[in-house]
């Protein structure tokens, strides 16, 4: 589930999976999951803005 959301996140932002913003998104997804967020929709929403500022540079 986390990988699916991560892949969607990267594809939506056209960024490589080893970019700083993608790495941050992966870390945050794992952290949210470890803290009890189990809904795919909730994870999508929560990770939605991660790295947005990095993508502008």
PDB file of N, CA and C in Angstrom:
ATOM      1  N   UNK A   1       0.823  -1.185   0.000  1.00  0.00           N
ATOM      2  CA  UNK A   1       0.000   0.000   0.000  1.00  0.00           C
ATOM      3  C   UNK A   1       0.875   1.259   0.000  1.00  0.00           C
ATOM      4  N   UNK A   2       1.876   1.297   0.852  1.00  0.00           N
ATOM      5  CA  UNK A   2       2.750   2.473   0.924  1.00  0.00           C
ATOM      6  C   UNK A   2       3.490   2.674  -0.401  1.00  0.00           C
ATOM      7  N   UNK A   3       3.970   1.592  -0.981  1.00  0.00           N
ATOM      8  CA  UNK A   3       4.682   1.698  -2.257  1.00  0.00           C
ATOM      9  C   UNK A   3       3.762   2.245  -3.345  1.00  0.00           C
ATOM     10  N   UNK A   4       2.522   1.800  -3.367  1.00  0.00           N
ATOM     11  CA  UNK A   4       1.564   2.305  -4.360  1.00  0.00           C
ATOM     12  C   UNK A   4       1.380   3.815  -4.229  1.00  0.00           C
ATOM     13  N   UNK A   5       1.208   4.277  -3.006  1.00  0.00           N
ATOM     14  CA  UNK A   5       1.013   5.712  -2.774  1.00  0.00           C
ATOM     15  C   UNK A   5       2.279   6.475  -3.141  1.00  0.00           C
ATOM     16  N   UNK A   6       3.427   5.932  -2.776  1.00  0.00           N
ATOM     17  CA  UNK A   6       4.710   6.552  -3.113  1.00  0.00           C
ATOM     18  C   UNK A   6       4.882   6.657  -4.635  1.00  0.00           C
ATOM     19  N   UNK A   7       4.582   5.574  -5.335  1.00  0.00           N
ATOM     20  CA  UNK A   7       4.688   5.583  -6.796  1.00  0.00           C
ATOM     21  C   UNK A   7       3.755   6.624  -7.407  1.00  0.00           C
ATOM     22  N   UNK A   8       2.531   6.707  -6.890  1.00  0.00           N
ATOM     23  CA  UNK A   8       1.567   7.711  -7.368  1.00  0.00           C
ATOM     24  C   UNK A   8       2.090   9.118  -7.108  1.00  0.00           C
ATOM     25  N   UNK A   9       2.651   9.317  -5.922  1.00  0.00           N
ATOM     26  CA  UNK A   9       3.168  10.634  -5.527  1.00  0.00           C
ATOM     27  C   UNK A   9       4.266  11.070  -6.491  1.00  0.00           C
ATOM     28  N   UNK A  10       5.193  10.171  -6.774  1.00  0.00           N
ATOM     29  CA  UNK A  10       6.301  10.491  -7.685  1.00  0.00           C
ATOM     30  C   UNK A  10       5.790  10.753  -9.100  1.00  0.00           C
ATOM     31  N   UNK A  11       4.883   9.919  -9.569  1.00  0.00           N
ATOM     32  CA  UNK A  11       4.350  10.076 -10.927  1.00  0.00           C
ATOM     33  C   UNK A  11       3.592  11.395 -11.071  1.00  0.00           C
ATOM     34  N   UNK A  12       2.810  11.743 -10.070  1.00  0.00           N
ATOM     35  CA  UNK A  12       2.027  12.981 -10.133  1.00  0.00           C
ATOM     36  C   UNK A  12       2.918  14.212 -10.173  1.00  0.00           C
ATOM     37  N   UNK A  13       4.117  14.092  -9.625  1.00  0.00           N
ATOM     38  CA  UNK A  13       5.034  15.232  -9.564  1.00  0.00           C
ATOM     39  C   UNK A  13       6.169  15.106 -10.575  1.00  0.00           C
ATOM     40  N   UNK A  14       6.128  14.069 -11.371  1.00  0.00           N
ATOM     41  CA  UNK A  14       7.166  13.824 -12.391  1.00  0.00           C
ATOM     42  C   UNK A  14       8.565  13.945 -11.799  1.00  0.00           C
ATOM     43  N   UNK A  15       8.752  13.336 -10.650  1.00  0.00           N
ATOM     44  CA  UNK A  15      10.076  13.403 -10.029  1.00  0.00           C
ATOM     45  C   UNK A  15      10.655  12.003  -9.898  1.00  0.00           C
ATOM     46  N   UNK A  16      11.956  11.931  -9.896  1.00  0.00           N
ATOM     47  CA  UNK A  16      12.619  10.641  -9.751  1.00  0.00           C
ATOM     48  C   UNK A  16      12.493  10.168  -8.308  1.00  0.00           C
ATOM     49  N   UNK A  17      12.538   8.882  -8.140  1.00  0.00           N
ATOM     50  CA  UNK A  17      12.341   8.300  -6.808  1.00  0.00           C
ATOM     51  C   UNK A  17      13.537   8.511  -5.885  1.00  0.00           C
ATOM     52  N   UNK A  18      14.645   9.010  -6.421  1.00  0.00           N
ATOM     53  CA  UNK A  18      15.796   9.293  -5.565  1.00  0.00           C
ATOM     54  C   UNK A  18      15.992  10.789  -5.346  1.00  0.00           C
ATOM     55  N   UNK A  19      14.990  11.580  -5.721  1.00  0.00           N
ATOM     56  CA  UNK A  19      15.082  13.024  -5.493  1.00  0.00           C
ATOM     57  C   UNK A  19      14.851  13.325  -4.003  1.00  0.00           C
ATOM     58  N   UNK A  20      15.350  14.456  -3.510  1.00  0.00           N
ATOM     59  CA  UNK A  20      15.160  14.799  -2.098  1.00  0.00           C
ATOM     60  C   UNK A  20      13.682  14.828  -1.683  1.00  0.00           C
ATOM     61  N   UNK A  21      12.820  15.351  -2.528  1.00  0.00           N
ATOM     62  CA  UNK A  21      11.411  15.424  -2.154  1.00  0.00           C
ATOM     63  C   UNK A  21      10.770  14.034  -2.121  1.00  0.00           C
ATOM     64  N   UNK A  22      11.161  13.143  -3.023  1.00  0.00           N
ATOM     65  CA  UNK A  22      10.616  11.789  -3.025  1.00  0.00           C
ATOM     66  C   UNK A  22      11.097  11.003  -1.812  1.00  0.00           C
ATOM     67  N   UNK A  23      12.344  11.182  -1.455  1.00  0.00           N
ATOM     68  CA  UNK A  23      12.880  10.509  -0.266  1.00  0.00           C
ATOM     69  C   UNK A  23      12.145  10.995   0.979  1.00  0.00           C
ATOM     70  N   UNK A  24      11.910  12.290   1.069  1.00  0.00           N
ATOM     71  CA  UNK A  24      11.167  12.850   2.201  1.00  0.00           C
ATOM     72  C   UNK A  24       9.744  12.281   2.243  1.00  0.00           C
ATOM     73  N   UNK A  25       9.096  12.178   1.088  1.00  0.00           N
ATOM     74  CA  UNK A  25       7.741  11.626   1.027  1.00  0.00           C
ATOM     75  C   UNK A  25       7.738  10.175   1.508  1.00  0.00           C
ATOM     76  N   UNK A  26       8.717   9.392   1.090  1.00  0.00           N
ATOM     77  CA  UNK A  26       8.802   7.993   1.522  1.00  0.00           C
ATOM     78  C   UNK A  26       8.973   7.901   3.033  1.00  0.00           C
ATOM     79  N   UNK A  27       9.848   8.731   3.577  1.00  0.00           N
ATOM     80  CA  UNK A  27      10.071   8.726   5.020  1.00  0.00           C
ATOM     81  C   UNK A  27       8.800   9.101   5.771  1.00  0.00           C
ATOM     82  N   UNK A  28       8.100  10.100   5.276  1.00  0.00           N
ATOM     83  CA  UNK A  28       6.873  10.540   5.933  1.00  0.00           C
ATOM     84  C   UNK A  28       5.768   9.491   5.825  1.00  0.00           C
ATOM     85  N   UNK A  29       5.644   8.846   4.674  1.00  0.00           N
ATOM     86  CA  UNK A  29       4.651   7.780   4.529  1.00  0.00           C
ATOM     87  C   UNK A  29       4.884   6.665   5.534  1.00  0.00           C
ATOM     88  N   UNK A  30       6.128   6.248   5.650  1.00  0.00           N
ATOM     89  CA  UNK A  30       6.460   5.178   6.602  1.00  0.00           C
ATOM     90  C   UNK A  30       6.163   5.616   8.026  1.00  0.00           C
ATOM     91  N   UNK A  31       6.536   6.824   8.356  1.00  0.00           N
ATOM     92  CA  UNK A  31       6.288   7.345   9.698  1.00  0.00           C
ATOM     93  C   UNK A  31       4.788   7.409  10.010  1.00  0.00           C
ATOM     94  N   UNK A  32       4.011   7.910   9.062  1.00  0.00           N
ATOM     95  CA  UNK A  32       2.562   7.995   9.277  1.00  0.00           C
ATOM     96  C   UNK A  32       1.972   6.603   9.478  1.00  0.00           C
ATOM     97  N   UNK A  33       2.421   5.642   8.676  1.00  0.00           N
ATOM     98  CA  UNK A  33       1.929   4.279   8.796  1.00  0.00           C
ATOM     99  C   UNK A  33       2.297   3.697  10.162  1.00  0.00           C
ATOM    100  N   UNK A  34       3.531   3.926  10.588  1.00  0.00           N
ATOM    101  CA  UNK A  34       3.979   3.430  11.890  1.00  0.00           C
ATOM    102  C   UNK A  34       3.193   4.055  13.037  1.00  0.00           C
ATOM    103  N   UNK A  35       2.672   5.257  12.811  1.00  0.00           N
ATOM    104  CA  UNK A  35       1.898   5.945  13.845  1.00  0.00           C
ATOM    105  C   UNK A  35       0.389   5.688  13.723  1.00  0.00           C
ATOM    106  N   UNK A  36       0.020   4.705  12.922  1.00  0.00           N
ATOM    107  CA  UNK A  36      -1.365   4.253  12.915  1.00  0.00           C
ATOM    108  C   UNK A  36      -2.241   4.680  11.761  1.00  0.00           C
ATOM    109  N   UNK A  37      -1.718   5.449  10.838  1.00  0.00           N
ATOM    110  CA  UNK A  37      -2.529   5.840   9.684  1.00  0.00           C
ATOM    111  C   UNK A  37      -2.559   4.647   8.736  1.00  0.00           C
ATOM    112  N   UNK A  38      -3.730   4.042   8.592  1.00  0.00           N
ATOM    113  CA  UNK A  38      -3.847   2.822   7.787  1.00  0.00           C
ATOM    114  C   UNK A  38      -4.717   3.000   6.546  1.00  0.00           C
ATOM    115  N   UNK A  39      -5.406   4.095   6.450  1.00  0.00           N
ATOM    116  CA  UNK A  39      -6.272   4.340   5.303  1.00  0.00           C
ATOM    117  C   UNK A  39      -5.448   4.854   4.127  1.00  0.00           C
ATOM    118  N   UNK A  40      -5.619   4.215   2.982  1.00  0.00           N
ATOM    119  CA  UNK A  40      -4.895   4.640   1.779  1.00  0.00           C
ATOM    120  C   UNK A  40      -5.244   6.084   1.437  1.00  0.00           C
ATOM    121  N   UNK A  41      -6.514   6.437   1.558  1.00  0.00           N
ATOM    122  CA  UNK A  41      -6.944   7.807   1.259  1.00  0.00           C
ATOM    123  C   UNK A  41      -6.333   8.809   2.234  1.00  0.00           C
ATOM    124  N   UNK A  42      -6.297   8.461   3.523  1.00  0.00           N
ATOM    125  CA  UNK A  42      -5.693   9.362   4.518  1.00  0.00           C
ATOM    126  C   UNK A  42      -4.211   9.553   4.242  1.00  0.00           C
ATOM    127  N   UNK A  43      -3.523   8.483   3.908  1.00  0.00           N
ATOM    128  CA  UNK A  43      -2.095   8.600   3.604  1.00  0.00           C
ATOM    129  C   UNK A  43      -1.874   9.479   2.375  1.00  0.00           C
ATOM    130  N   UNK A  44      -2.711   9.302   1.357  1.00  0.00           N
ATOM    131  CA  UNK A  44      -2.593  10.140   0.152  1.00  0.00           C
ATOM    132  C   UNK A  44      -2.756  11.615   0.498  1.00  0.00           C
ATOM    133  N   UNK A  45      -3.756  11.908   1.293  1.00  0.00           N
ATOM    134  CA  UNK A  45      -4.016  13.302   1.670  1.00  0.00           C
ATOM    135  C   UNK A  45      -2.850  13.859   2.474  1.00  0.00           C
ATOM    136  N   UNK A  46      -2.395  13.097   3.453  1.00  0.00           N
ATOM    137  CA  UNK A  46      -1.341  13.587   4.342  1.00  0.00           C
ATOM    138  C   UNK A  46      -0.007  13.783   3.633  1.00  0.00           C
ATOM    139  N   UNK A  47       0.293  12.963   2.652  1.00  0.00           N
ATOM    140  CA  UNK A  47       1.569  13.076   1.945  1.00  0.00           C
ATOM    141  C   UNK A  47       1.465  14.048   0.773  1.00  0.00           C
ATOM    142  N   UNK A  48       0.276  14.500   0.474  1.00  0.00           N
ATOM    143  CA  UNK A  48       0.022  15.322  -0.705  1.00  0.00           C
ATOM    144  C   UNK A  48       0.891  16.551  -0.875  1.00  0.00           C
ATOM    145  N   UNK A  49       1.251  17.232   0.195  1.00  0.00           N
ATOM    146  CA  UNK A  49       2.017  18.467   0.065  1.00  0.00           C
ATOM    147  C   UNK A  49       3.497  18.308   0.381  1.00  0.00           C
ATOM    148  N   UNK A  50       3.910  17.128   0.789  1.00  0.00           N
ATOM    149  CA  UNK A  50       5.318  16.921   1.147  1.00  0.00           C
ATOM    150  C   UNK A  50       6.208  17.127  -0.073  1.00  0.00           C
ATOM    151  N   UNK A  51       7.213  17.930   0.088  1.00  0.00           N
ATOM    152  CA  UNK A  51       8.186  18.148  -0.970  1.00  0.00           C
ATOM    153  C   UNK A  51       7.777  19.171  -2.006  1.00  0.00           C
ATOM    154  N   UNK A  52       6.590  19.738  -1.875  1.00  0.00           N
ATOM    155  CA  UNK A  52       6.130  20.708  -2.876  1.00  0.00           C
ATOM    156  C   UNK A  52       7.102  21.884  -2.996  1.00  0.00           C
ATOM    157  N   UNK A  53       7.629  22.331  -1.873  1.00  0.00           N
ATOM    158  CA  UNK A  53       8.570  23.452  -1.912  1.00  0.00           C
ATOM    159  C   UNK A  53       9.881  23.046  -2.578  1.00  0.00           C
ATOM    160  N   UNK A  54      10.293  21.786  -2.424  1.00  0.00           N
ATOM    161  CA  UNK A  54      11.538  21.333  -3.037  1.00  0.00           C
ATOM    162  C   UNK A  54      11.392  21.217  -4.561  1.00  0.00           C
ATOM    163  N   UNK A  55      10.200  20.880  -5.018  1.00  0.00           N
ATOM    164  CA  UNK A  55       9.977  20.702  -6.455  1.00  0.00           C
ATOM    165  C   UNK A  55      10.027  22.039  -7.208  1.00  0.00           C
ATOM    166  N   UNK A  56       9.834  23.137  -6.513  1.00  0.00           N
ATOM    167  CA  UNK A  56       9.839  24.453  -7.154  1.00  0.00           C
ATOM    168  C   UNK A  56      11.245  24.908  -7.510  1.00  0.00           C
ATOM    169  N   UNK A  57      12.252  24.292  -6.909  1.00  0.00           N
ATOM    170  CA  UNK A  57      13.641  24.719  -7.134  1.00  0.00           C
ATOM    171  C   UNK A  57      14.275  23.983  -8.266  1.00  0.00           C
TER     172      UNK A  57
END
